[in-house]
């Protein structure tokens, strides 16, 4: 299962932490995992290369982990991308229950 935590700082959405493999299908054929990867990577690219925001990134390809967080002062700029990611992943959760789980957590600096 892929677990995605949407990270908040004082109630404001500032990023996400995605990890795990969905297990929907074998590696290379897993459309759910591919969709989650494409959405999370597109969000990071948008924040960095379109909005030019400084993004703290932690990545572990073997574990299937990608975390991206912006400082609270950049949260408003990143909001549309992060909310679009949240809504898109919610749709995947509804279509493929049991393979993706969304949670929220507070960012601790």
N, C-alpha and C. Protein backbone atom coordinates (compact mmCIF):
# COMPACT_ATOMS: atom_id res chain seq x y z
N UNK A 1 0.84 -1.18 0.00
CA UNK A 1 0.00 0.00 0.00
C UNK A 1 0.89 1.24 0.00
N UNK A 2 0.48 2.24 -0.78
CA UNK A 2 1.15 3.53 -0.75
C UNK A 2 0.42 4.42 0.24
N UNK A 3 1.19 5.04 1.11
CA UNK A 3 0.62 5.95 2.12
C UNK A 3 1.13 7.35 1.83
N UNK A 4 0.21 8.29 1.76
CA UNK A 4 0.57 9.68 1.53
C UNK A 4 0.04 10.52 2.67
N UNK A 5 0.96 11.17 3.37
CA UNK A 5 0.57 12.09 4.44
C UNK A 5 0.67 13.50 3.90
N UNK A 6 -0.41 14.25 4.01
CA UNK A 6 -0.37 15.67 3.67
C UNK A 6 0.07 16.42 4.91
N UNK A 7 1.11 17.20 4.75
CA UNK A 7 1.78 17.84 5.87
C UNK A 7 1.29 19.27 6.03
N UNK A 8 0.92 19.60 7.26
CA UNK A 8 0.45 20.94 7.60
C UNK A 8 1.40 21.57 8.62
N UNK A 9 1.51 22.87 8.56
CA UNK A 9 2.23 23.64 9.57
C UNK A 9 1.25 24.68 10.10
N UNK A 10 0.89 24.52 11.36
CA UNK A 10 -0.09 25.41 12.00
C UNK A 10 -1.38 25.47 11.18
N UNK A 11 -1.81 24.31 10.69
CA UNK A 11 -3.07 24.21 9.96
C UNK A 11 -2.99 24.54 8.48
N UNK A 12 -1.82 24.92 7.99
CA UNK A 12 -1.66 25.29 6.58
C UNK A 12 -0.93 24.17 5.85
N UNK A 13 -1.48 23.75 4.70
CA UNK A 13 -0.87 22.68 3.90
C UNK A 13 0.46 23.16 3.33
N UNK A 14 1.54 22.43 3.64
CA UNK A 14 2.88 22.81 3.19
C UNK A 14 3.59 21.72 2.39
N UNK A 15 3.02 20.52 2.30
CA UNK A 15 3.70 19.48 1.55
C UNK A 15 3.07 18.12 1.71
N UNK A 16 3.84 17.10 1.31
CA UNK A 16 3.37 15.72 1.38
C UNK A 16 4.55 14.79 1.60
N UNK A 17 4.23 13.60 2.09
CA UNK A 17 5.22 12.55 2.28
C UNK A 17 4.57 11.26 1.80
N UNK A 18 5.03 10.76 0.65
CA UNK A 18 4.47 9.54 0.04
C UNK A 18 5.49 8.42 0.16
N UNK A 19 5.03 7.24 0.56
CA UNK A 19 5.96 6.11 0.63
C UNK A 19 5.22 4.79 0.45
N UNK A 20 5.98 3.83 -0.03
CA UNK A 20 5.46 2.48 -0.24
C UNK A 20 5.06 2.23 -1.68
N UNK A 21 4.79 0.98 -1.95
CA UNK A 21 4.34 0.56 -3.28
C UNK A 21 2.92 0.05 -3.15
N UNK A 22 2.09 0.36 -4.12
CA UNK A 22 0.66 0.05 -4.00
C UNK A 22 0.38 -1.45 -3.96
N UNK A 23 1.14 -2.22 -4.72
CA UNK A 23 0.88 -3.65 -4.77
C UNK A 23 -0.30 -4.02 -5.64
N UNK A 24 -0.76 -3.09 -6.46
CA UNK A 24 -1.89 -3.36 -7.35
C UNK A 24 -1.51 -4.37 -8.43
N UNK A 25 -0.26 -4.28 -8.91
CA UNK A 25 0.22 -5.19 -9.96
C UNK A 25 1.74 -5.31 -9.82
N UNK A 26 2.33 -6.15 -10.64
CA UNK A 26 3.78 -6.32 -10.63
C UNK A 26 4.48 -5.03 -11.02
N UNK A 27 5.73 -4.89 -10.57
CA UNK A 27 6.54 -3.72 -10.93
C UNK A 27 6.58 -3.56 -12.44
N UNK A 28 6.43 -2.34 -12.89
CA UNK A 28 6.41 -2.06 -14.32
C UNK A 28 5.03 -2.16 -14.94
N UNK A 29 4.08 -2.74 -14.22
CA UNK A 29 2.72 -2.89 -14.73
C UNK A 29 1.68 -2.28 -13.80
N UNK A 30 2.14 -1.66 -12.73
CA UNK A 30 1.25 -1.15 -11.68
C UNK A 30 0.76 0.26 -12.04
N UNK A 31 -0.45 0.34 -12.60
CA UNK A 31 -0.97 1.64 -13.03
C UNK A 31 -1.28 2.56 -11.86
N UNK A 32 -1.62 1.99 -10.71
CA UNK A 32 -1.92 2.82 -9.55
C UNK A 32 -0.64 3.47 -9.04
N UNK A 33 0.41 2.68 -8.92
CA UNK A 33 1.70 3.21 -8.48
C UNK A 33 2.22 4.25 -9.48
N UNK A 34 2.05 3.98 -10.76
CA UNK A 34 2.49 4.93 -11.78
C UNK A 34 1.73 6.24 -11.68
N UNK A 35 0.44 6.17 -11.43
CA UNK A 35 -0.36 7.39 -11.29
C UNK A 35 0.07 8.21 -10.09
N UNK A 36 0.27 7.55 -8.96
CA UNK A 36 0.71 8.24 -7.74
C UNK A 36 2.08 8.88 -7.98
N UNK A 37 2.99 8.15 -8.60
CA UNK A 37 4.33 8.67 -8.88
C UNK A 37 4.27 9.88 -9.81
N UNK A 38 3.47 9.78 -10.86
CA UNK A 38 3.37 10.89 -11.81
C UNK A 38 2.80 12.14 -11.14
N UNK A 39 1.77 11.96 -10.33
CA UNK A 39 1.16 13.11 -9.67
C UNK A 39 2.11 13.77 -8.66
N UNK A 40 2.78 12.96 -7.86
CA UNK A 40 3.67 13.54 -6.85
C UNK A 40 4.88 14.21 -7.51
N UNK A 41 5.44 13.57 -8.53
CA UNK A 41 6.58 14.17 -9.21
C UNK A 41 6.19 15.44 -9.96
N UNK A 42 5.01 15.46 -10.57
CA UNK A 42 4.54 16.66 -11.27
C UNK A 42 4.34 17.81 -10.28
N UNK A 43 3.88 17.50 -9.09
CA UNK A 43 3.69 18.53 -8.07
C UNK A 43 5.03 19.14 -7.68
N UNK A 44 6.04 18.31 -7.48
CA UNK A 44 7.37 18.81 -7.13
C UNK A 44 7.93 19.66 -8.27
N UNK A 45 7.82 19.18 -9.49
CA UNK A 45 8.31 19.94 -10.65
C UNK A 45 7.60 21.29 -10.74
N UNK A 46 6.30 21.30 -10.52
CA UNK A 46 5.56 22.56 -10.56
C UNK A 46 6.03 23.54 -9.50
N UNK A 47 6.25 23.04 -8.29
CA UNK A 47 6.70 23.93 -7.22
C UNK A 47 8.10 24.47 -7.49
N UNK A 48 8.99 23.61 -8.02
CA UNK A 48 10.37 24.03 -8.24
C UNK A 48 10.58 24.80 -9.54
N UNK A 49 10.05 24.28 -10.63
CA UNK A 49 10.41 24.81 -11.95
C UNK A 49 9.39 25.76 -12.55
N UNK A 50 8.19 25.79 -12.01
CA UNK A 50 7.19 26.75 -12.49
C UNK A 50 7.04 27.90 -11.50
N UNK A 51 6.90 27.55 -10.23
CA UNK A 51 6.73 28.57 -9.19
C UNK A 51 8.06 29.05 -8.60
N UNK A 52 9.14 28.31 -8.88
CA UNK A 52 10.49 28.64 -8.38
C UNK A 52 10.53 28.76 -6.85
N UNK A 53 9.85 27.82 -6.19
CA UNK A 53 9.84 27.81 -4.74
C UNK A 53 10.97 26.94 -4.21
N UNK A 54 11.55 27.32 -3.08
CA UNK A 54 12.52 26.42 -2.45
C UNK A 54 11.74 25.28 -1.79
N UNK A 55 12.08 24.07 -2.17
CA UNK A 55 11.35 22.89 -1.69
C UNK A 55 12.34 21.96 -1.00
N UNK A 56 12.01 21.56 0.21
CA UNK A 56 12.81 20.54 0.90
C UNK A 56 12.33 19.19 0.38
N UNK A 57 13.25 18.42 -0.17
CA UNK A 57 12.90 17.13 -0.76
C UNK A 57 13.72 16.03 -0.10
N UNK A 58 13.03 14.94 0.21
CA UNK A 58 13.69 13.71 0.64
C UNK A 58 13.16 12.61 -0.26
N UNK A 59 14.10 11.83 -0.81
CA UNK A 59 13.72 10.78 -1.76
C UNK A 59 14.50 9.51 -1.47
N UNK A 60 13.79 8.39 -1.55
CA UNK A 60 14.42 7.07 -1.44
C UNK A 60 13.71 6.19 -2.46
N UNK A 61 14.33 6.04 -3.63
CA UNK A 61 13.68 5.30 -4.71
C UNK A 61 13.43 3.84 -4.37
N UNK A 62 14.34 3.23 -3.63
CA UNK A 62 14.17 1.82 -3.27
C UNK A 62 12.92 1.63 -2.39
N UNK A 63 12.72 2.52 -1.45
CA UNK A 63 11.56 2.43 -0.54
C UNK A 63 10.31 3.04 -1.16
N UNK A 64 10.47 3.68 -2.31
CA UNK A 64 9.32 4.32 -2.94
C UNK A 64 8.85 5.54 -2.15
N UNK A 65 9.82 6.34 -1.67
CA UNK A 65 9.46 7.49 -0.83
C UNK A 65 9.82 8.80 -1.52
N UNK A 66 8.89 9.74 -1.45
CA UNK A 66 9.13 11.10 -1.90
C UNK A 66 8.43 12.04 -0.94
N UNK A 67 9.21 12.90 -0.31
CA UNK A 67 8.64 13.92 0.56
C UNK A 67 9.04 15.28 0.00
N UNK A 68 8.08 16.20 -0.03
CA UNK A 68 8.35 17.56 -0.49
C UNK A 68 7.59 18.52 0.41
N UNK A 69 8.33 19.49 0.95
CA UNK A 69 7.75 20.46 1.88
C UNK A 69 8.28 21.85 1.55
N UNK A 70 7.37 22.83 1.55
CA UNK A 70 7.78 24.22 1.41
C UNK A 70 7.67 24.90 2.77
N UNK A 71 8.42 25.96 2.95
CA UNK A 71 8.33 26.73 4.19
C UNK A 71 6.95 27.37 4.27
N UNK A 72 6.43 27.56 5.47
CA UNK A 72 5.09 28.14 5.61
C UNK A 72 4.90 29.45 4.85
N UNK A 73 5.94 30.25 4.72
CA UNK A 73 5.79 31.52 4.00
C UNK A 73 5.58 31.33 2.50
N UNK A 74 5.82 30.11 1.98
CA UNK A 74 5.59 29.81 0.57
C UNK A 74 4.33 28.96 0.35
N UNK A 75 3.64 28.64 1.42
CA UNK A 75 2.48 27.74 1.34
C UNK A 75 1.38 28.28 0.43
N UNK A 76 1.13 29.58 0.49
CA UNK A 76 0.06 30.15 -0.34
C UNK A 76 0.39 29.97 -1.82
N UNK A 77 1.65 30.14 -2.18
CA UNK A 77 2.06 29.97 -3.58
C UNK A 77 1.91 28.52 -4.04
N UNK A 78 2.17 27.58 -3.16
CA UNK A 78 2.12 26.15 -3.50
C UNK A 78 0.72 25.56 -3.35
N UNK A 79 -0.20 26.31 -2.80
CA UNK A 79 -1.52 25.79 -2.42
C UNK A 79 -2.27 25.11 -3.57
N UNK A 80 -2.33 25.75 -4.73
CA UNK A 80 -3.10 25.18 -5.84
C UNK A 80 -2.52 23.82 -6.25
N UNK A 81 -1.21 23.73 -6.33
CA UNK A 81 -0.60 22.45 -6.71
C UNK A 81 -0.85 21.38 -5.65
N UNK A 82 -0.67 21.73 -4.38
CA UNK A 82 -0.86 20.74 -3.31
C UNK A 82 -2.31 20.31 -3.17
N UNK A 83 -3.24 21.24 -3.33
CA UNK A 83 -4.67 20.88 -3.26
C UNK A 83 -5.08 20.03 -4.47
N UNK A 84 -4.52 20.34 -5.64
CA UNK A 84 -4.79 19.52 -6.82
C UNK A 84 -4.26 18.11 -6.61
N UNK A 85 -3.07 17.99 -6.03
CA UNK A 85 -2.53 16.67 -5.71
C UNK A 85 -3.45 15.93 -4.75
N UNK A 86 -3.89 16.61 -3.71
CA UNK A 86 -4.77 15.98 -2.71
C UNK A 86 -6.06 15.49 -3.35
N UNK A 87 -6.69 16.31 -4.18
CA UNK A 87 -7.94 15.91 -4.82
C UNK A 87 -7.72 14.77 -5.82
N UNK A 88 -6.63 14.82 -6.56
CA UNK A 88 -6.33 13.76 -7.53
C UNK A 88 -6.07 12.44 -6.84
N UNK A 89 -5.31 12.47 -5.75
CA UNK A 89 -5.05 11.23 -5.01
C UNK A 89 -6.30 10.72 -4.30
N UNK A 90 -7.17 11.62 -3.87
CA UNK A 90 -8.45 11.20 -3.29
C UNK A 90 -9.28 10.43 -4.31
N UNK A 91 -9.25 10.88 -5.54
CA UNK A 91 -9.96 10.19 -6.62
C UNK A 91 -9.38 8.79 -6.84
N UNK A 92 -8.06 8.67 -6.82
CA UNK A 92 -7.43 7.35 -6.97
C UNK A 92 -7.82 6.45 -5.81
N UNK A 93 -7.84 7.00 -4.59
CA UNK A 93 -8.26 6.21 -3.42
C UNK A 93 -9.67 5.66 -3.60
N UNK A 94 -10.55 6.47 -4.15
CA UNK A 94 -11.93 6.04 -4.35
C UNK A 94 -12.03 4.95 -5.42
N UNK A 95 -11.21 5.06 -6.46
CA UNK A 95 -11.25 4.10 -7.55
C UNK A 95 -10.53 2.79 -7.22
N UNK A 96 -9.51 2.87 -6.37
CA UNK A 96 -8.69 1.71 -6.04
C UNK A 96 -8.55 1.59 -4.52
N UNK A 97 -9.65 1.33 -3.83
CA UNK A 97 -9.59 1.25 -2.36
C UNK A 97 -8.65 0.12 -1.92
N UNK A 98 -7.93 0.39 -0.86
CA UNK A 98 -7.02 -0.62 -0.32
C UNK A 98 -5.61 -0.56 -0.87
N UNK A 99 -5.37 0.32 -1.84
CA UNK A 99 -4.04 0.41 -2.43
C UNK A 99 -3.34 1.72 -2.11
N UNK A 100 -4.12 2.75 -1.78
CA UNK A 100 -3.57 4.07 -1.45
C UNK A 100 -4.31 4.59 -0.23
N UNK A 101 -3.56 5.14 0.73
CA UNK A 101 -4.20 5.71 1.92
C UNK A 101 -3.68 7.13 2.13
N UNK A 102 -4.60 8.05 2.37
CA UNK A 102 -4.25 9.45 2.62
C UNK A 102 -4.46 9.77 4.09
N UNK A 103 -3.50 10.50 4.65
CA UNK A 103 -3.61 10.98 6.03
C UNK A 103 -3.10 12.42 6.06
N UNK A 104 -3.20 13.02 7.23
CA UNK A 104 -2.59 14.33 7.44
C UNK A 104 -1.71 14.26 8.68
N UNK A 105 -0.74 15.13 8.71
CA UNK A 105 0.10 15.22 9.91
C UNK A 105 0.66 16.63 10.01
N UNK A 106 1.02 16.98 11.21
CA UNK A 106 1.58 18.31 11.48
C UNK A 106 3.09 18.26 11.27
N UNK A 107 3.64 19.28 10.65
CA UNK A 107 5.07 19.40 10.40
C UNK A 107 5.77 19.85 11.67
N UNK A 108 6.81 19.16 12.02
CA UNK A 108 7.60 19.52 13.18
C UNK A 108 8.98 19.94 12.70
N UNK A 109 9.32 21.18 12.90
CA UNK A 109 10.61 21.70 12.44
C UNK A 109 11.71 21.29 13.39
